[in-house]
Amino acid sequence: MEIFNRFHLECARRLPNLPSEHPCARLHGHSFQIEVHVAGPLDPELGWVLDFADIQRAWRPIHAALDHRCLNDIPGLDNPTSEHLAMWLWDRLESELPGLAKIVVMETRDSGCIYTGQG
């Protein structure tokens, strides 16, 4: 069984490895939507995989570190593509959330990425 919580981040970024004429090479903002998925067996007594409050607790320091900030200023996010952001999030949540299954990063309502911990 898999459960998830959806979170929101308001962030600025620029993608420094793009040609200067690309719009994403300039500083711009995103209203990111992040899903944190955890998979595991259903606890027969409690009736859940994990308490949603545990996911929310693990998310709090990440929200504090990223929300309303320029992602390029965050260590490890000097090229903050959605893909790099998903891997950065995974690295910080994996030890806090046994059963972490995937991170979904939506940078617009139509575009995003899914990271499952492999490369």
Protein backbone atom coordinates (compact mmCIF):
# COMPACT_ATOMS: atom_id res chain seq x y z
CA MET A 1 0.00 0.00 0.00
CA GLU A 2 1.21 3.52 -0.71
CA ILE A 3 0.23 6.78 0.97
CA PHE A 4 1.28 10.35 0.27
CA ASN A 5 1.15 13.90 1.50
CA ARG A 6 1.13 16.89 -0.85
CA PHE A 7 3.12 20.00 0.08
CA HIS A 8 3.65 23.40 -1.51
CA LEU A 9 6.76 25.55 -1.87
CA GLU A 10 7.13 29.06 -3.27
CA CYS A 11 10.69 29.37 -4.56
CA ALA A 12 12.86 31.35 -6.92
CA ARG A 13 15.54 29.78 -9.07
CA ARG A 14 17.63 30.14 -12.14
CA LEU A 15 19.17 27.31 -14.11
CA PRO A 16 22.79 28.38 -14.61
CA ASN A 17 23.79 25.70 -17.12
CA LEU A 18 21.33 26.86 -19.78
CA PRO A 19 22.16 29.30 -22.58
CA SER A 20 21.59 32.91 -21.50
CA GLU A 21 18.72 33.31 -23.98
CA HIS A 22 16.72 30.48 -22.36
CA PRO A 23 14.01 31.93 -20.09
CA CYS A 24 14.91 29.56 -17.25
CA ALA A 25 18.48 30.89 -17.19
CA ARG A 26 17.02 34.07 -15.69
CA LEU A 27 15.78 34.29 -12.12
CA HIS A 28 12.14 33.20 -11.98
CA GLY A 29 9.68 31.73 -9.50
CA HIS A 30 7.68 28.55 -9.15
CA SER A 31 4.83 27.41 -6.96
CA PHE A 32 6.12 23.88 -6.56
CA GLN A 33 3.78 21.09 -5.56
CA ILE A 34 5.62 18.22 -3.90
CA GLU A 35 4.24 14.77 -3.13
CA VAL A 36 6.02 12.54 -0.63
CA HIS A 37 5.00 8.88 -1.05
CA VAL A 38 5.61 6.15 1.52
CA ALA A 39 4.92 2.47 0.82
CA GLY A 40 4.59 -0.45 3.18
CA PRO A 41 2.29 -3.03 4.61
CA LEU A 42 -0.97 -2.02 6.22
CA ASP A 43 -0.62 -2.27 9.99
CA PRO A 44 -3.39 -4.72 10.98
CA GLU A 45 -4.01 -3.03 14.33
CA LEU A 46 -3.72 0.65 13.37
CA GLY A 47 -5.14 0.26 9.87
CA TRP A 48 -2.55 2.44 8.16
CA VAL A 49 0.88 2.31 6.55
CA LEU A 50 2.22 5.29 8.50
CA ASP A 51 0.70 8.20 10.37
CA PHE A 52 0.41 11.17 8.00
CA ALA A 53 1.68 13.26 10.90
CA ASP A 54 5.04 11.46 10.59
CA ILE A 55 5.38 12.58 6.97
CA GLN A 56 4.37 16.12 7.91
CA ARG A 57 6.90 16.19 10.76
CA ALA A 58 9.70 15.07 8.40
CA TRP A 59 8.65 17.78 5.92
CA ARG A 60 8.74 20.73 8.36
CA PRO A 61 12.52 21.37 8.28
CA ILE A 62 12.55 21.07 4.50
CA HIS A 63 9.76 23.61 4.18
CA ALA A 64 11.64 25.96 6.50
CA ALA A 65 14.83 25.57 4.45
CA LEU A 66 13.27 26.08 0.99
CA ASP A 67 10.03 28.05 1.12
CA HIS A 68 10.28 31.66 -0.09
CA ARG A 69 13.97 31.27 -0.84
CA CYS A 70 16.17 31.20 -3.90
CA LEU A 71 16.98 27.54 -4.47
CA ASN A 72 20.37 28.39 -5.97
CA ASP A 73 21.43 29.66 -2.52
CA ILE A 74 20.75 26.28 -0.86
CA PRO A 75 23.80 23.98 -0.54
CA GLY A 76 23.45 21.14 -3.04
CA LEU A 77 21.00 23.03 -5.28
CA ASP A 78 23.33 25.20 -7.34
CA ASN A 79 21.58 23.86 -10.50
CA PRO A 80 18.04 23.46 -9.08
CA THR A 81 16.23 21.61 -11.83
CA SER A 82 13.13 19.74 -10.71
CA GLU A 83 15.14 16.54 -11.06
CA HIS A 84 17.90 17.81 -8.77
CA LEU A 85 15.31 19.11 -6.31
CA ALA A 86 13.62 15.68 -6.19
CA MET A 87 16.96 13.97 -5.47
CA TRP A 88 17.83 16.62 -2.84
CA LEU A 89 14.49 16.02 -1.12
CA TRP A 90 14.97 12.25 -1.24
CA ASP A 91 18.39 12.53 0.40
CA ARG A 92 16.89 14.47 3.32
CA LEU A 93 13.73 12.40 3.77
CA GLU A 94 14.99 8.85 3.24
CA SER A 95 16.38 8.43 6.76
CA GLU A 96 13.31 10.07 8.33
CA LEU A 97 10.70 8.04 6.46
CA PRO A 98 11.22 4.28 6.25
CA GLY A 99 9.41 3.09 3.18
CA LEU A 100 9.95 6.30 1.21
CA ALA A 101 8.77 5.25 -2.25
CA LYS A 102 8.83 8.33 -4.44
CA ILE A 103 9.04 12.08 -4.58
CA VAL A 104 6.92 13.93 -7.13
CA VAL A 105 7.97 17.49 -7.98
CA MET A 106 5.51 19.53 -10.03
CA GLU A 107 7.04 22.83 -11.14
CA THR A 108 3.90 23.84 -13.02
CA ARG A 109 0.46 22.28 -13.11
CA ASP A 110 1.49 20.42 -16.29
CA SER A 111 5.20 19.65 -15.82
CA GLY A 112 7.12 17.70 -13.22
CA CYS A 113 9.23 14.70 -12.39
CA ILE A 114 9.07 11.55 -10.29
CA TYR A 115 12.07 10.24 -8.37
CA THR A 116 12.15 6.78 -6.80
CA GLY A 117 15.65 6.79 -5.37
CA GLN A 118 17.53 5.39 -8.35
CA GLY A 119 20.03 7.59 -10.18
